[in-house]
Amino acid sequence: MAIDNITGSIIATGANVLVRVGQTSDSCTEVIGLATNVSYSENFQTQDAVVIGHLGPVSIDPNGYTCEITIGCFIPAKLTMGASGTYDATASKAVNEFLPSRSGIETDGIKKAFRSLEFYNQKTGVVIAKFSGVIITNAGMNIDGNAYVKSNVQMRALERVVFS
């Protein structure tokens, strides 16, 4: 998305990116955090078809896929939609409430945490990225005396949803 300024167009920077989830449907309605950083990586494993007498492969075939998501979220307070249409710090779920415990994994195994997960820019009203079939694989917390408490979470998804 480009925004015009005095000298021409500039690239809009991401701001106010909310992490939203849907647990029972593909619709992401529940805000679980305000992202400080977000990244995802898709890896398409391939197999080269090598034939004697040819220099290099004659085809490259896909045979696997992984999608890994890493997010950092502010967790000073929980977020929910206020009466004015903006998010305020009142009772809602935060990302750390979805983290599995060791005893929970030992008894129940790792289950799908979210049916869908998306990164939503509240300022522009645009969904930046959306994923389906997401489980949490790694979690931690960063506590700094001079800054907000942040949660660092890594996840794996079955797929990144492609918008048409």
N, C-alpha and C. Protein backbone atom coordinates (compact mmCIF):
# COMPACT_ATOMS: atom_id res chain seq x y z
N MET A 1 0.85 -1.17 0.00
CA MET A 1 0.00 0.00 0.00
C MET A 1 0.89 1.23 0.00
N ALA A 2 0.70 2.12 -0.92
CA ALA A 2 1.50 3.33 -1.00
C ALA A 2 0.70 4.54 -0.52
N ILE A 3 1.38 5.44 0.16
CA ILE A 3 0.77 6.68 0.63
C ILE A 3 1.51 7.83 -0.02
N ASP A 4 0.78 8.79 -0.54
CA ASP A 4 1.41 9.95 -1.18
C ASP A 4 1.89 10.94 -0.12
N ASN A 5 3.08 11.48 -0.35
CA ASN A 5 3.57 12.58 0.48
C ASN A 5 4.00 13.71 -0.45
N ILE A 6 4.72 14.68 0.05
CA ILE A 6 5.09 15.85 -0.75
C ILE A 6 5.94 15.46 -1.96
N THR A 7 6.86 14.53 -1.78
CA THR A 7 7.77 14.17 -2.87
C THR A 7 7.30 13.01 -3.72
N GLY A 8 6.20 12.39 -3.38
CA GLY A 8 5.72 11.25 -4.16
C GLY A 8 5.13 10.19 -3.26
N SER A 9 5.34 8.94 -3.59
CA SER A 9 4.78 7.84 -2.81
C SER A 9 5.82 7.25 -1.87
N ILE A 10 5.35 6.87 -0.71
CA ILE A 10 6.20 6.17 0.25
C ILE A 10 5.50 4.86 0.60
N ILE A 11 6.24 3.94 1.10
CA ILE A 11 5.65 2.66 1.51
C ILE A 11 5.12 2.82 2.93
N ALA A 12 3.88 2.43 3.14
CA ALA A 12 3.28 2.52 4.47
C ALA A 12 3.92 1.47 5.37
N THR A 13 4.24 1.85 6.58
CA THR A 13 4.83 0.91 7.53
C THR A 13 3.73 0.28 8.36
N GLY A 14 3.97 -0.94 8.82
CA GLY A 14 2.99 -1.63 9.63
C GLY A 14 2.89 -1.01 10.99
N ALA A 15 1.69 -0.81 11.45
CA ALA A 15 1.45 -0.27 12.78
C ALA A 15 0.13 -0.82 13.30
N ASN A 16 0.02 -0.93 14.60
CA ASN A 16 -1.20 -1.41 15.23
C ASN A 16 -1.61 -2.78 14.70
N VAL A 17 -0.66 -3.69 14.58
CA VAL A 17 -0.96 -5.03 14.06
C VAL A 17 -1.45 -5.91 15.20
N LEU A 18 -2.70 -6.33 15.09
CA LEU A 18 -3.33 -7.16 16.10
C LEU A 18 -3.25 -8.62 15.68
N VAL A 19 -3.03 -9.49 16.66
CA VAL A 19 -3.06 -10.94 16.42
C VAL A 19 -4.47 -11.39 16.77
N ARG A 20 -5.19 -11.91 15.76
CA ARG A 20 -6.57 -12.35 15.96
C ARG A 20 -6.66 -13.85 15.66
N VAL A 21 -7.53 -14.54 16.40
CA VAL A 21 -7.71 -15.98 16.21
C VAL A 21 -9.18 -16.32 16.09
N GLY A 22 -9.41 -17.48 15.48
CA GLY A 22 -10.73 -18.10 15.45
C GLY A 22 -10.55 -19.53 15.92
N GLN A 23 -11.26 -19.92 16.95
CA GLN A 23 -11.08 -21.26 17.49
C GLN A 23 -12.10 -22.25 16.96
N THR A 24 -13.27 -21.78 16.61
CA THR A 24 -14.32 -22.71 16.17
C THR A 24 -14.69 -22.52 14.71
N SER A 25 -14.21 -21.44 14.08
CA SER A 25 -14.52 -21.23 12.67
C SER A 25 -13.33 -20.57 12.01
N ASP A 26 -13.42 -20.38 10.70
CA ASP A 26 -12.34 -19.73 9.97
C ASP A 26 -12.36 -18.22 10.14
N SER A 27 -13.38 -17.70 10.80
CA SER A 27 -13.48 -16.26 11.04
C SER A 27 -12.67 -15.89 12.28
N CYS A 28 -11.72 -14.97 12.13
CA CYS A 28 -10.88 -14.54 13.24
C CYS A 28 -11.52 -13.34 13.92
N THR A 29 -12.06 -13.55 15.11
CA THR A 29 -12.78 -12.48 15.79
C THR A 29 -12.17 -12.11 17.14
N GLU A 30 -11.36 -12.98 17.71
CA GLU A 30 -10.84 -12.76 19.05
C GLU A 30 -9.41 -12.21 18.99
N VAL A 31 -9.21 -11.05 19.59
CA VAL A 31 -7.87 -10.43 19.64
C VAL A 31 -7.12 -11.00 20.83
N ILE A 32 -5.89 -11.51 20.58
CA ILE A 32 -5.11 -12.08 21.67
C ILE A 32 -3.79 -11.35 21.88
N GLY A 33 -3.55 -10.28 21.16
CA GLY A 33 -2.32 -9.54 21.40
C GLY A 33 -2.08 -8.44 20.38
N LEU A 34 -1.22 -7.52 20.76
CA LEU A 34 -0.75 -6.46 19.89
C LEU A 34 0.70 -6.82 19.53
N ALA A 35 0.94 -7.08 18.25
CA ALA A 35 2.24 -7.60 17.82
C ALA A 35 3.34 -6.55 17.85
N THR A 36 4.49 -6.96 18.36
CA THR A 36 5.69 -6.11 18.27
C THR A 36 6.52 -6.51 17.07
N ASN A 37 6.50 -7.79 16.74
CA ASN A 37 7.16 -8.30 15.54
C ASN A 37 6.49 -9.59 15.10
N VAL A 38 6.43 -9.77 13.80
CA VAL A 38 5.79 -10.95 13.21
C VAL A 38 6.65 -11.42 12.04
N SER A 39 6.86 -12.72 11.94
CA SER A 39 7.50 -13.26 10.75
C SER A 39 6.95 -14.66 10.51
N TYR A 40 6.93 -15.04 9.24
CA TYR A 40 6.56 -16.41 8.93
C TYR A 40 7.44 -16.89 7.79
N SER A 41 7.60 -18.19 7.73
CA SER A 41 8.46 -18.79 6.72
C SER A 41 7.77 -20.03 6.19
N GLU A 42 7.63 -20.09 4.87
CA GLU A 42 7.09 -21.28 4.23
C GLU A 42 8.23 -22.00 3.54
N ASN A 43 8.30 -23.31 3.72
CA ASN A 43 9.35 -24.10 3.11
C ASN A 43 8.71 -25.17 2.23
N PHE A 44 9.01 -25.11 0.96
CA PHE A 44 8.50 -26.09 0.00
C PHE A 44 9.64 -27.07 -0.30
N GLN A 45 9.55 -28.29 0.24
CA GLN A 45 10.57 -29.29 -0.03
C GLN A 45 10.38 -29.81 -1.46
N THR A 46 11.49 -30.03 -2.13
CA THR A 46 11.42 -30.49 -3.52
C THR A 46 12.33 -31.68 -3.74
N GLN A 47 12.06 -32.38 -4.81
CA GLN A 47 12.86 -33.55 -5.21
C GLN A 47 13.30 -33.33 -6.66
N ASP A 48 14.59 -33.38 -6.91
CA ASP A 48 15.09 -33.25 -8.27
C ASP A 48 15.00 -34.59 -9.00
N ALA A 49 14.50 -34.56 -10.22
CA ALA A 49 14.48 -35.75 -11.07
C ALA A 49 15.72 -35.68 -11.96
N VAL A 50 16.72 -36.47 -11.60
CA VAL A 50 17.99 -36.46 -12.32
C VAL A 50 18.01 -37.64 -13.29
N VAL A 51 18.41 -37.38 -14.54
CA VAL A 51 18.45 -38.41 -15.58
C VAL A 51 19.88 -38.48 -16.11
N ILE A 52 20.37 -39.72 -16.29
CA ILE A 52 21.72 -39.91 -16.83
C ILE A 52 21.79 -39.29 -18.23
N GLY A 53 22.84 -38.55 -18.47
CA GLY A 53 23.04 -37.91 -19.76
C GLY A 53 22.54 -36.48 -19.82
N HIS A 54 21.89 -36.00 -18.77
CA HIS A 54 21.41 -34.61 -18.72
C HIS A 54 22.18 -33.86 -17.63
N LEU A 55 22.56 -32.65 -17.92
CA LEU A 55 23.25 -31.81 -16.95
C LEU A 55 22.18 -31.09 -16.13
N GLY A 56 22.04 -31.47 -14.89
CA GLY A 56 21.01 -30.89 -14.03
C GLY A 56 19.73 -31.68 -14.09
N PRO A 57 18.78 -31.35 -13.23
CA PRO A 57 17.51 -32.09 -13.18
C PRO A 57 16.65 -31.80 -14.40
N VAL A 58 15.83 -32.80 -14.77
CA VAL A 58 14.89 -32.60 -15.88
C VAL A 58 13.55 -32.08 -15.36
N SER A 59 13.30 -32.22 -14.06
CA SER A 59 12.13 -31.62 -13.42
C SER A 59 12.40 -31.49 -11.93
N ILE A 60 11.64 -30.64 -11.31
CA ILE A 60 11.71 -30.46 -9.85
C ILE A 60 10.30 -30.65 -9.33
N ASP A 61 10.12 -31.65 -8.47
CA ASP A 61 8.79 -32.01 -7.99
C ASP A 61 8.63 -31.63 -6.52
N PRO A 62 7.51 -31.01 -6.15
CA PRO A 62 7.25 -30.72 -4.74
C PRO A 62 6.88 -31.99 -4.00
N ASN A 63 7.40 -32.14 -2.79
CA ASN A 63 7.03 -33.32 -2.01
C ASN A 63 6.86 -33.05 -0.53
N GLY A 64 6.82 -31.78 -0.13
CA GLY A 64 6.59 -31.47 1.27
C GLY A 64 6.41 -29.98 1.49
N TYR A 65 5.83 -29.63 2.65
CA TYR A 65 5.55 -28.24 2.95
C TYR A 65 5.54 -28.04 4.45
N THR A 66 6.16 -26.97 4.92
CA THR A 66 6.06 -26.55 6.31
C THR A 66 5.88 -25.04 6.36
N CYS A 67 5.14 -24.59 7.36
CA CYS A 67 4.90 -23.16 7.56
C CYS A 67 5.15 -22.87 9.03
N GLU A 68 6.11 -22.00 9.32
CA GLU A 68 6.46 -21.64 10.69
C GLU A 68 6.21 -20.16 10.90
N ILE A 69 5.61 -19.82 12.04
CA ILE A 69 5.24 -18.45 12.37
C ILE A 69 5.93 -18.08 13.68
N THR A 70 6.48 -16.88 13.74
CA THR A 70 7.08 -16.36 14.97
C THR A 70 6.46 -15.00 15.25
N ILE A 71 5.94 -14.83 16.47
CA ILE A 71 5.37 -13.55 16.83
C ILE A 71 5.91 -13.10 18.18
N GLY A 72 5.99 -11.80 18.34
CA GLY A 72 6.26 -11.18 19.62
C GLY A 72 5.06 -10.30 19.92
N CYS A 73 4.51 -10.41 21.12
CA CYS A 73 3.32 -9.65 21.48
C CYS A 73 3.53 -8.90 22.79
N PHE A 74 3.03 -7.67 22.85
CA PHE A 74 2.95 -6.98 24.13
C PHE A 74 1.93 -7.70 24.98
N ILE A 75 2.24 -7.91 26.26
CA ILE A 75 1.24 -8.49 27.15
C ILE A 75 1.12 -7.69 28.45
N PRO A 76 1.12 -6.34 28.38
CA PRO A 76 0.92 -5.59 29.62
C PRO A 76 -0.51 -5.67 30.11
N ALA A 77 -1.46 -5.88 29.19
CA ALA A 77 -2.87 -5.99 29.54
C ALA A 77 -3.58 -6.75 28.44
N LYS A 78 -4.74 -7.26 28.74
CA LYS A 78 -5.53 -7.96 27.74
C LYS A 78 -6.28 -6.94 26.91
N LEU A 79 -6.61 -7.33 25.68
CA LEU A 79 -7.26 -6.40 24.75
C LEU A 79 -8.66 -6.87 24.40
N THR A 80 -9.58 -5.94 24.30
CA THR A 80 -10.91 -6.24 23.80
C THR A 80 -11.47 -5.01 23.11
N MET A 81 -12.47 -5.18 22.29
CA MET A 81 -13.05 -4.06 21.56
C MET A 81 -13.86 -3.20 22.53
N GLY A 82 -13.55 -1.91 22.56
CA GLY A 82 -14.27 -0.97 23.39
C GLY A 82 -15.49 -0.41 22.68
N ALA A 83 -16.30 0.35 23.40
CA ALA A 83 -17.52 0.92 22.84
C ALA A 83 -17.22 1.89 21.70
N SER A 84 -16.05 2.53 21.71
CA SER A 84 -15.71 3.51 20.68
C SER A 84 -15.17 2.86 19.41
N GLY A 85 -15.05 1.53 19.40
CA GLY A 85 -14.54 0.84 18.22
C GLY A 85 -13.04 0.67 18.22
N THR A 86 -12.37 1.03 19.31
CA THR A 86 -10.93 0.82 19.44
C THR A 86 -10.70 -0.21 20.53
N TYR A 87 -9.49 -0.74 20.58
CA TYR A 87 -9.19 -1.77 21.57
C TYR A 87 -8.69 -1.13 22.86
N ASP A 88 -9.21 -1.62 23.98
CA ASP A 88 -8.77 -1.11 25.27
C ASP A 88 -8.38 -2.27 26.18
N ALA A 89 -7.76 -1.94 27.30
CA ALA A 89 -7.24 -2.97 28.21
C ALA A 89 -8.31 -3.38 29.21
N THR A 90 -9.14 -4.34 28.82
CA THR A 90 -10.13 -4.92 29.73
C THR A 90 -10.11 -6.43 29.53
N ALA A 91 -11.06 -7.12 30.14
CA ALA A 91 -11.01 -8.58 30.15
C ALA A 91 -11.19 -9.20 28.77
N SER A 92 -10.20 -9.93 28.33
CA SER A 92 -10.22 -10.73 27.11
C SER A 92 -9.09 -11.73 27.27
N LYS A 93 -8.90 -12.60 26.30
CA LYS A 93 -7.80 -13.56 26.40
C LYS A 93 -6.52 -12.96 25.84
N ALA A 94 -5.40 -13.33 26.43
CA ALA A 94 -4.09 -12.93 25.94
C ALA A 94 -3.39 -14.16 25.39
N VAL A 95 -2.36 -13.95 24.58
CA VAL A 95 -1.70 -15.06 23.90
C VAL A 95 -1.17 -16.11 24.88
N ASN A 96 -0.69 -15.71 26.06
CA ASN A 96 -0.14 -16.70 26.98
C ASN A 96 -1.20 -17.62 27.59
N GLU A 97 -2.46 -17.25 27.51
CA GLU A 97 -3.50 -18.12 28.02
C GLU A 97 -3.71 -19.35 27.14
N PHE A 98 -3.16 -19.33 25.93
CA PHE A 98 -3.29 -20.45 25.01
C PHE A 98 -2.08 -21.38 25.05
N LEU A 99 -1.06 -21.02 25.81
CA LEU A 99 0.15 -21.83 25.84
C LEU A 99 -0.11 -23.13 26.58
N PRO A 100 0.29 -24.26 26.01
CA PRO A 100 0.07 -25.54 26.69
C PRO A 100 1.04 -25.72 27.85
N SER A 101 0.62 -26.47 28.85
CA SER A 101 1.51 -26.82 29.96
C SER A 101 2.14 -28.18 29.68
N ARG A 102 3.22 -28.48 30.37
CA ARG A 102 3.86 -29.78 30.18
C ARG A 102 2.92 -30.92 30.53
N SER A 103 2.23 -30.80 31.66
CA SER A 103 1.32 -31.87 32.06
C SER A 103 0.15 -32.00 31.08
N GLY A 104 -0.29 -30.87 30.51
CA GLY A 104 -1.36 -30.93 29.52
C GLY A 104 -0.93 -31.66 28.26
N ILE A 105 0.31 -31.44 27.84
CA ILE A 105 0.83 -32.12 26.64
C ILE A 105 1.02 -33.61 26.93
N GLU A 106 1.50 -33.94 28.13
CA GLU A 106 1.72 -35.34 28.48
C GLU A 106 0.41 -36.13 28.51
N THR A 107 -0.67 -35.49 28.94
CA THR A 107 -1.95 -36.22 29.03
C THR A 107 -2.76 -36.12 27.75
N ASP A 108 -2.76 -34.95 27.10
CA ASP A 108 -3.62 -34.74 25.94
C ASP A 108 -2.87 -34.67 24.61
N GLY A 109 -1.55 -34.54 24.66
CA GLY A 109 -0.79 -34.35 23.43
C GLY A 109 -0.93 -32.92 22.95
N ILE A 110 -0.23 -32.59 21.88
CA ILE A 110 -0.33 -31.25 21.32
C ILE A 110 -1.56 -31.20 20.43
N LYS A 111 -2.43 -30.27 20.74
CA LYS A 111 -3.67 -30.13 19.97
C LYS A 111 -3.62 -28.83 19.19
N LYS A 112 -4.48 -28.73 18.22
CA LYS A 112 -4.57 -27.52 17.43
C LYS A 112 -5.04 -26.38 18.34
N ALA A 113 -4.24 -25.33 18.46
CA ALA A 113 -4.61 -24.23 19.32
C ALA A 113 -5.64 -23.33 18.66
N PHE A 114 -5.48 -23.11 17.36
CA PHE A 114 -6.37 -22.19 16.67
C PHE A 114 -6.79 -22.79 15.33
N ARG A 115 -8.04 -22.68 15.01
CA ARG A 115 -8.48 -23.09 13.67
C ARG A 115 -7.94 -22.12 12.63
N SER A 116 -7.89 -20.84 13.01
CA SER A 116 -7.31 -19.83 12.12
C SER A 116 -6.64 -18.75 12.95
N LEU A 117 -5.65 -18.11 12.35
CA LEU A 117 -4.89 -17.04 12.98
C LEU A 117 -4.59 -16.00 11.91
N GLU A 118 -4.69 -14.73 12.26
CA GLU A 118 -4.39 -13.69 11.28
C GLU A 118 -3.74 -12.50 11.95
N PHE A 119 -3.02 -11.74 11.14
CA PHE A 119 -2.41 -10.50 11.56
C PHE A 119 -3.17 -9.38 10.88
N TYR A 120 -3.80 -8.52 11.69
CA TYR A 120 -4.74 -7.52 11.20
C TYR A 120 -4.21 -6.13 11.55
N ASN A 121 -4.08 -5.27 10.55
CA ASN A 121 -3.65 -3.90 10.78
C ASN A 121 -4.89 -3.06 11.07
N GLN A 122 -5.05 -2.70 12.33
CA GLN A 122 -6.23 -1.96 12.76
C GLN A 122 -6.29 -0.58 12.11
N LYS A 123 -5.14 0.01 11.87
CA LYS A 123 -5.09 1.36 11.31
C LYS A 123 -5.63 1.40 9.88
N THR A 124 -5.28 0.39 9.06
CA THR A 124 -5.71 0.38 7.66
C THR A 124 -6.89 -0.54 7.41
N GLY A 125 -7.22 -1.41 8.38
CA GLY A 125 -8.31 -2.35 8.20
C GLY A 125 -7.96 -3.50 7.26
N VAL A 126 -6.67 -3.82 7.14
CA VAL A 126 -6.21 -4.85 6.20
C VAL A 126 -5.69 -6.06 6.96
N VAL A 127 -6.09 -7.26 6.50
CA VAL A 127 -5.50 -8.49 7.02
C VAL A 127 -4.19 -8.70 6.28
N ILE A 128 -3.08 -8.69 7.02
CA ILE A 128 -1.76 -8.79 6.42
C ILE A 128 -1.44 -10.23 6.03
N ALA A 129 -1.75 -11.17 6.92
CA ALA A 129 -1.51 -12.59 6.63
C ALA A 129 -2.49 -13.40 7.47
N LYS A 130 -2.88 -14.58 6.92
CA LYS A 130 -3.82 -15.45 7.62
C LYS A 130 -3.36 -16.89 7.46
N PHE A 131 -3.56 -17.70 8.50
CA PHE A 131 -3.11 -19.08 8.52
C PHE A 131 -4.22 -19.97 9.06
N SER A 132 -4.20 -21.25 8.68
CA SER A 132 -5.18 -22.20 9.20
C SER A 132 -4.46 -23.38 9.84
N GLY A 133 -5.15 -24.02 10.81
CA GLY A 133 -4.59 -25.19 11.49
C GLY A 133 -3.32 -24.89 12.24
N VAL A 134 -3.37 -23.99 13.20
CA VAL A 134 -2.16 -23.49 13.88
C VAL A 134 -2.00 -24.12 15.25
N ILE A 135 -0.77 -24.59 15.56
CA ILE A 135 -0.45 -25.06 16.90
C ILE A 135 0.78 -24.30 17.40
N ILE A 136 0.84 -24.13 18.71
CA ILE A 136 1.98 -23.47 19.34
C ILE A 136 3.07 -24.52 19.55
N THR A 137 4.30 -24.20 19.13
CA THR A 137 5.41 -25.15 19.26
C THR A 137 6.50 -24.67 20.21
N ASN A 138 6.55 -23.39 20.51
CA ASN A 138 7.60 -22.85 21.36
C ASN A 138 7.10 -21.54 21.94
N ALA A 139 7.38 -21.28 23.21
CA ALA A 139 6.93 -20.05 23.83
C ALA A 139 7.92 -19.57 24.87
N GLY A 140 7.95 -18.29 25.05
CA GLY A 140 8.82 -17.69 26.05
C GLY A 140 8.33 -16.30 26.39
N MET A 141 9.05 -15.65 27.30
CA MET A 141 8.66 -14.32 27.72
C MET A 141 9.92 -13.48 27.88
N ASN A 142 9.81 -12.22 27.52
CA ASN A 142 10.91 -11.28 27.66
C ASN A 142 10.47 -10.20 28.65
N ILE A 143 11.16 -10.11 29.78
CA ILE A 143 10.83 -9.12 30.80
C ILE A 143 12.01 -8.18 30.94
N ASP A 144 11.76 -6.91 30.70
CA ASP A 144 12.78 -5.88 30.79
C ASP A 144 12.25 -4.81 31.74
N GLY A 145 13.05 -4.41 32.69
CA GLY A 145 12.61 -3.43 33.67
C GLY A 145 12.25 -2.08 33.08
N ASN A 146 12.78 -1.77 31.92
CA ASN A 146 12.53 -0.47 31.30
C ASN A 146 11.52 -0.53 30.16
N ALA A 147 10.86 -1.67 29.97
CA ALA A 147 9.96 -1.81 28.83
C ALA A 147 8.78 -2.69 29.20
N TYR A 148 7.91 -2.91 28.22
CA TYR A 148 6.75 -3.78 28.42
C TYR A 148 7.18 -5.23 28.50
N VAL A 149 6.35 -6.03 29.13
CA VAL A 149 6.53 -7.48 29.10
C VAL A 149 6.08 -7.96 27.73
N LYS A 150 6.88 -8.83 27.12
CA LYS A 150 6.55 -9.34 25.78
C LYS A 150 6.55 -10.86 25.80
N SER A 151 5.64 -11.42 25.04
CA SER A 151 5.57 -12.87 24.86
C SER A 151 6.15 -13.19 23.50
N ASN A 152 7.00 -14.21 23.44
CA ASN A 152 7.58 -14.67 22.18
C ASN A 152 7.04 -16.07 21.92
N VAL A 153 6.35 -16.24 20.80
CA VAL A 153 5.68 -17.50 20.52
C VAL A 153 6.03 -17.96 19.11
N GLN A 154 6.35 -19.24 18.98
CA GLN A 154 6.56 -19.84 17.66
C GLN A 154 5.44 -20.85 17.44
N MET A 155 4.96 -20.89 16.20
CA MET A 155 3.84 -21.76 15.85
C MET A 155 4.11 -22.44 14.52
N ARG A 156 3.36 -23.48 14.27
CA ARG A 156 3.36 -24.13 12.95
C ARG A 156 1.93 -24.14 12.45
N ALA A 157 1.78 -23.97 11.15
CA ALA A 157 0.45 -23.93 10.55
C ALA A 157 0.37 -24.97 9.45
N LEU A 158 -0.84 -25.45 9.20
CA LEU A 158 -1.05 -26.36 8.08
C LEU A 158 -0.87 -25.64 6.75
N GLU A 159 -1.32 -24.36 6.71
CA GLU A 159 -1.15 -23.60 5.49
C GLU A 159 -1.34 -22.11 5.73
N ARG A 160 -0.75 -21.32 4.85
CA ARG A 160 -1.02 -19.88 4.79
C ARG A 160 -2.18 -19.70 3.82
N VAL A 161 -3.17 -18.96 4.27
CA VAL A 161 -4.36 -18.73 3.43
C VAL A 161 -4.00 -17.68 2.41
N VAL A 162 -4.24 -18.00 1.13
CA VAL A 162 -3.94 -17.09 0.03
C VAL A 162 -5.20 -16.33 -0.32
N PHE A 163 -5.12 -15.01 -0.31
CA PHE A 163 -6.27 -14.18 -0.66
C PHE A 163 -6.35 -14.03 -2.16
N SER A 164 -7.57 -14.08 -2.69
CA SER A 164 -7.72 -13.92 -4.15
C SER A 164 -8.32 -12.57 -4.48
